[in-house]
Amino acid sequence: MRQMKIFTIGFTKTSARSFFTKLSASGAKRLVDVRLNNVSQLAGFAKDGLK
């Protein structure tokens, strides 16, 4: 049986640039958004742009 590694990443008090740079550098192949309200906080990245 093939094993799967699962990691988490937070984004509170993080710029969009920093968040997506870390995510890209991690080599992740899939991203799953498990927030209860998936249109809430992450949408703030669009308001501030890439810092």
N, C-alpha and C. Protein backbone atom coordinates (compact mmCIF):
# COMPACT_ATOMS: atom_id res chain seq x y z
N MET A 1 0.84 -1.19 0.00
CA MET A 1 0.00 0.00 0.00
C MET A 1 0.89 1.25 0.00
N ARG A 2 0.55 2.21 -0.81
CA ARG A 2 1.30 3.46 -0.92
C ARG A 2 0.91 4.41 0.20
N GLN A 3 1.91 5.02 0.84
CA GLN A 3 1.63 5.95 1.92
C GLN A 3 1.56 7.38 1.39
N MET A 4 0.76 8.18 2.07
CA MET A 4 0.60 9.58 1.71
C MET A 4 1.04 10.43 2.89
N LYS A 5 1.85 11.45 2.62
CA LYS A 5 2.24 12.40 3.67
C LYS A 5 1.29 13.58 3.61
N ILE A 6 0.82 14.01 4.76
CA ILE A 6 -0.08 15.16 4.84
C ILE A 6 0.55 16.21 5.74
N PHE A 7 0.57 17.45 5.26
CA PHE A 7 1.12 18.58 6.01
C PHE A 7 0.08 19.68 6.08
N THR A 8 0.24 20.57 7.04
CA THR A 8 -0.64 21.72 7.14
C THR A 8 0.19 22.99 7.03
N ILE A 9 -0.46 24.05 6.62
CA ILE A 9 0.21 25.35 6.56
C ILE A 9 -0.83 26.40 6.95
N GLY A 10 -0.43 27.31 7.81
CA GLY A 10 -1.32 28.40 8.20
C GLY A 10 -1.01 29.64 7.38
N PHE A 11 -1.91 30.60 7.40
CA PHE A 11 -1.68 31.82 6.63
C PHE A 11 -1.99 33.08 7.42
N THR A 12 -2.35 32.94 8.69
CA THR A 12 -2.67 34.10 9.50
C THR A 12 -1.43 34.98 9.64
N LYS A 13 -1.59 36.27 9.46
CA LYS A 13 -0.51 37.26 9.55
C LYS A 13 0.64 36.95 8.59
N THR A 14 0.30 36.42 7.42
CA THR A 14 1.28 36.09 6.39
C THR A 14 0.87 36.78 5.10
N SER A 15 1.85 37.34 4.40
CA SER A 15 1.52 37.95 3.11
C SER A 15 1.25 36.85 2.09
N ALA A 16 0.49 37.20 1.07
CA ALA A 16 0.21 36.25 0.01
C ALA A 16 1.50 35.78 -0.64
N ARG A 17 2.42 36.69 -0.86
CA ARG A 17 3.69 36.33 -1.50
C ARG A 17 4.43 35.28 -0.67
N SER A 18 4.53 35.51 0.64
CA SER A 18 5.22 34.57 1.52
C SER A 18 4.51 33.21 1.54
N PHE A 19 3.19 33.24 1.67
CA PHE A 19 2.41 32.00 1.72
C PHE A 19 2.62 31.17 0.46
N PHE A 20 2.43 31.78 -0.71
CA PHE A 20 2.52 31.03 -1.95
C PHE A 20 3.96 30.65 -2.30
N THR A 21 4.93 31.43 -1.88
CA THR A 21 6.33 31.06 -2.07
C THR A 21 6.66 29.80 -1.27
N LYS A 22 6.25 29.78 -0.01
CA LYS A 22 6.48 28.59 0.83
C LYS A 22 5.75 27.38 0.29
N LEU A 23 4.52 27.58 -0.14
CA LEU A 23 3.74 26.47 -0.69
C LEU A 23 4.40 25.91 -1.94
N SER A 24 4.84 26.78 -2.81
CA SER A 24 5.50 26.35 -4.05
C SER A 24 6.82 25.63 -3.75
N ALA A 25 7.60 26.19 -2.83
CA ALA A 25 8.90 25.59 -2.48
C ALA A 25 8.75 24.23 -1.80
N SER A 26 7.61 23.96 -1.22
CA SER A 26 7.40 22.70 -0.50
C SER A 26 7.35 21.50 -1.44
N GLY A 27 7.05 21.75 -2.70
CA GLY A 27 6.91 20.65 -3.65
C GLY A 27 5.55 19.97 -3.57
N ALA A 28 4.60 20.59 -2.89
CA ALA A 28 3.26 20.01 -2.76
C ALA A 28 2.65 19.77 -4.14
N LYS A 29 1.97 18.67 -4.27
CA LYS A 29 1.32 18.33 -5.55
C LYS A 29 -0.18 18.59 -5.51
N ARG A 30 -0.72 18.66 -4.30
CA ARG A 30 -2.16 18.93 -4.15
C ARG A 30 -2.37 19.86 -2.97
N LEU A 31 -3.40 20.66 -3.07
CA LEU A 31 -3.76 21.58 -1.99
C LEU A 31 -5.25 21.38 -1.71
N VAL A 32 -5.58 21.17 -0.44
CA VAL A 32 -6.97 20.98 -0.04
C VAL A 32 -7.32 22.08 0.95
N ASP A 33 -8.33 22.85 0.63
CA ASP A 33 -8.81 23.92 1.50
C ASP A 33 -9.85 23.33 2.43
N VAL A 34 -9.53 23.27 3.73
CA VAL A 34 -10.44 22.65 4.69
C VAL A 34 -11.07 23.66 5.64
N ARG A 35 -11.00 24.95 5.28
CA ARG A 35 -11.61 25.97 6.13
C ARG A 35 -13.13 25.79 6.16
N LEU A 36 -13.73 26.08 7.31
CA LEU A 36 -15.18 25.98 7.45
C LEU A 36 -15.89 26.91 6.47
N ASN A 37 -15.39 28.14 6.37
CA ASN A 37 -15.96 29.13 5.46
C ASN A 37 -14.86 29.47 4.46
N ASN A 38 -14.85 28.79 3.32
CA ASN A 38 -13.74 28.91 2.39
C ASN A 38 -13.71 30.19 1.55
N VAL A 39 -14.53 31.16 1.89
CA VAL A 39 -14.46 32.46 1.19
C VAL A 39 -14.07 33.56 2.17
N SER A 40 -13.64 33.19 3.35
CA SER A 40 -13.37 34.19 4.38
C SER A 40 -11.95 34.75 4.29
N GLN A 41 -11.08 34.40 5.19
CA GLN A 41 -9.80 35.06 5.39
C GLN A 41 -8.86 35.04 4.20
N LEU A 42 -8.76 33.95 3.50
CA LEU A 42 -7.82 33.89 2.38
C LEU A 42 -8.16 34.93 1.32
N ALA A 43 -9.43 35.30 1.23
CA ALA A 43 -9.82 36.33 0.26
C ALA A 43 -9.12 37.65 0.56
N GLY A 44 -8.67 37.85 1.79
CA GLY A 44 -7.94 39.06 2.14
C GLY A 44 -6.67 39.24 1.34
N PHE A 45 -6.12 38.15 0.82
CA PHE A 45 -4.94 38.26 -0.03
C PHE A 45 -5.25 39.09 -1.28
N ALA A 46 -6.44 38.95 -1.79
CA ALA A 46 -6.82 39.70 -2.98
C ALA A 46 -6.97 41.18 -2.67
N LYS A 47 -7.36 41.51 -1.44
CA LYS A 47 -7.54 42.91 -1.05
C LYS A 47 -6.21 43.64 -0.95
N ASP A 48 -5.19 42.96 -0.38
CA ASP A 48 -3.91 43.60 -0.17
C ASP A 48 -2.94 43.40 -1.32
N GLY A 49 -3.23 42.50 -2.20
CA GLY A 49 -2.31 42.20 -3.28
C GLY A 49 -1.11 41.43 -2.77
N LEU A 50 -0.14 41.24 -3.62
CA LEU A 50 1.08 40.53 -3.22
C LEU A 50 2.05 41.51 -2.60
N LYS A 51 2.26 41.36 -1.30
CA LYS A 51 3.17 42.27 -0.60
C LYS A 51 4.60 41.82 -0.75
